[in-house]
């Protein structure tokens, strides 16, 4: 859980900036987006395999 306390003579914008930076560092938003829709382990594996194939294909094209 991200907790940000206001410092002396700190504006709301600065506080909001610090908060959003901490949220981004802890990757809370990306984790929430990832968990929004359940994805089965087999589909995760299939995505990884297809990404590896796509990447290797791109590198072979680049090297030619």
C-alpha atoms as a PDB file:
ATOM      1  CA  UNK A   1       0.000   0.000   0.000  1.00  0.00           C
ATOM      2  CA  UNK A   2       1.421   3.352  -1.021  1.00  0.00           C
ATOM      3  CA  UNK A   3       1.408   5.997   1.654  1.00  0.00           C
ATOM      4  CA  UNK A   4       2.453   9.591   1.069  1.00  0.00           C
ATOM      5  CA  UNK A   5       2.368  12.202   3.803  1.00  0.00           C
ATOM      6  CA  UNK A   6       2.337  15.907   3.077  1.00  0.00           C
ATOM      7  CA  UNK A   7       5.536  17.749   3.927  1.00  0.00           C
ATOM      8  CA  UNK A   8       5.789  21.280   5.290  1.00  0.00           C
ATOM      9  CA  UNK A   9       5.154  23.929   2.612  1.00  0.00           C
ATOM     10  CA  UNK A  10       4.378  21.308  -0.067  1.00  0.00           C
ATOM     11  CA  UNK A  11       1.782  21.995  -2.714  1.00  0.00           C
ATOM     12  CA  UNK A  12      -0.912  19.536  -3.665  1.00  0.00           C
ATOM     13  CA  UNK A  13       0.620  19.141  -7.135  1.00  0.00           C
ATOM     14  CA  UNK A  14       3.971  18.111  -5.652  1.00  0.00           C
ATOM     15  CA  UNK A  15       2.241  15.663  -3.328  1.00  0.00           C
ATOM     16  CA  UNK A  16       0.291  14.188  -6.229  1.00  0.00           C
ATOM     17  CA  UNK A  17       3.500  13.924  -8.283  1.00  0.00           C
ATOM     18  CA  UNK A  18       5.252  12.041  -5.464  1.00  0.00           C
ATOM     19  CA  UNK A  19       2.255   9.739  -5.045  1.00  0.00           C
ATOM     20  CA  UNK A  20       2.028   8.877  -8.731  1.00  0.00           C
ATOM     21  CA  UNK A  21       5.784   8.263  -8.857  1.00  0.00           C
ATOM     22  CA  UNK A  22       5.578   5.805  -5.949  1.00  0.00           C
ATOM     23  CA  UNK A  23       2.598   4.034  -7.522  1.00  0.00           C
ATOM     24  CA  UNK A  24       4.528   3.697 -10.769  1.00  0.00           C
ATOM     25  CA  UNK A  25       7.653   2.435  -9.005  1.00  0.00           C
ATOM     26  CA  UNK A  26       5.676  -0.270  -7.232  1.00  0.00           C
ATOM     27  CA  UNK A  27       3.907  -1.109 -10.547  1.00  0.00           C
ATOM     28  CA  UNK A  28       0.493  -1.125  -8.902  1.00  0.00           C
ATOM     29  CA  UNK A  29      -1.397   0.080 -11.965  1.00  0.00           C
ATOM     30  CA  UNK A  30       0.188  -2.428 -14.346  1.00  0.00           C
ATOM     31  CA  UNK A  31      -0.477  -5.244 -11.874  1.00  0.00           C
ATOM     32  CA  UNK A  32      -4.128  -4.201 -11.569  1.00  0.00           C
ATOM     33  CA  UNK A  33      -4.505  -4.089 -15.354  1.00  0.00           C
ATOM     34  CA  UNK A  34      -2.905  -7.521 -15.656  1.00  0.00           C
ATOM     35  CA  UNK A  35      -5.231  -9.001 -13.049  1.00  0.00           C
ATOM     36  CA  UNK A  36      -8.357  -7.306 -14.388  1.00  0.00           C
ATOM     37  CA  UNK A  37      -9.164 -10.261 -16.628  1.00  0.00           C
ATOM     38  CA  UNK A  38      -8.194 -13.763 -15.610  1.00  0.00           C
ATOM     39  CA  UNK A  39      -5.759 -15.444 -17.956  1.00  0.00           C
ATOM     40  CA  UNK A  40      -5.214 -19.170 -17.772  1.00  0.00           C
ATOM     41  CA  UNK A  41      -1.685 -20.529 -17.443  1.00  0.00           C
ATOM     42  CA  UNK A  42      -1.889 -22.209 -20.850  1.00  0.00           C
ATOM     43  CA  UNK A  43      -2.767 -18.964 -22.595  1.00  0.00           C
ATOM     44  CA  UNK A  44       0.117 -17.237 -20.811  1.00  0.00           C
ATOM     45  CA  UNK A  45       2.493 -19.929 -22.088  1.00  0.00           C
ATOM     46  CA  UNK A  46       1.095 -19.645 -25.612  1.00  0.00           C
ATOM     47  CA  UNK A  47       1.640 -15.877 -25.555  1.00  0.00           C
ATOM     48  CA  UNK A  48       5.222 -16.305 -24.398  1.00  0.00           C
ATOM     49  CA  UNK A  49       5.927 -18.840 -27.145  1.00  0.00           C
ATOM     50  CA  UNK A  50       4.395 -16.661 -29.846  1.00  0.00           C
ATOM     51  CA  UNK A  51       6.324 -13.619 -28.588  1.00  0.00           C
ATOM     52  CA  UNK A  52       9.577 -15.600 -28.733  1.00  0.00           C
ATOM     53  CA  UNK A  53       8.802 -16.754 -32.285  1.00  0.00           C
ATOM     54  CA  UNK A  54       7.958 -13.205 -33.365  1.00  0.00           C
ATOM     55  CA  UNK A  55      11.135 -11.840 -31.790  1.00  0.00           C
ATOM     56  CA  UNK A  56      13.360 -14.479 -33.371  1.00  0.00           C
ATOM     57  CA  UNK A  57      11.727 -13.846 -36.753  1.00  0.00           C
ATOM     58  CA  UNK A  58      12.388 -10.132 -36.441  1.00  0.00           C
ATOM     59  CA  UNK A  59      16.022 -10.666 -35.509  1.00  0.00           C
ATOM     60  CA  UNK A  60      16.576 -12.999 -38.452  1.00  0.00           C
ATOM     61  CA  UNK A  61      15.091 -10.377 -40.780  1.00  0.00           C
ATOM     62  CA  UNK A  62      17.260  -7.698 -39.212  1.00  0.00           C
ATOM     63  CA  UNK A  63      20.450  -9.758 -39.637  1.00  0.00           C
ATOM     64  CA  UNK A  64      19.892 -10.482 -43.322  1.00  0.00           C
END
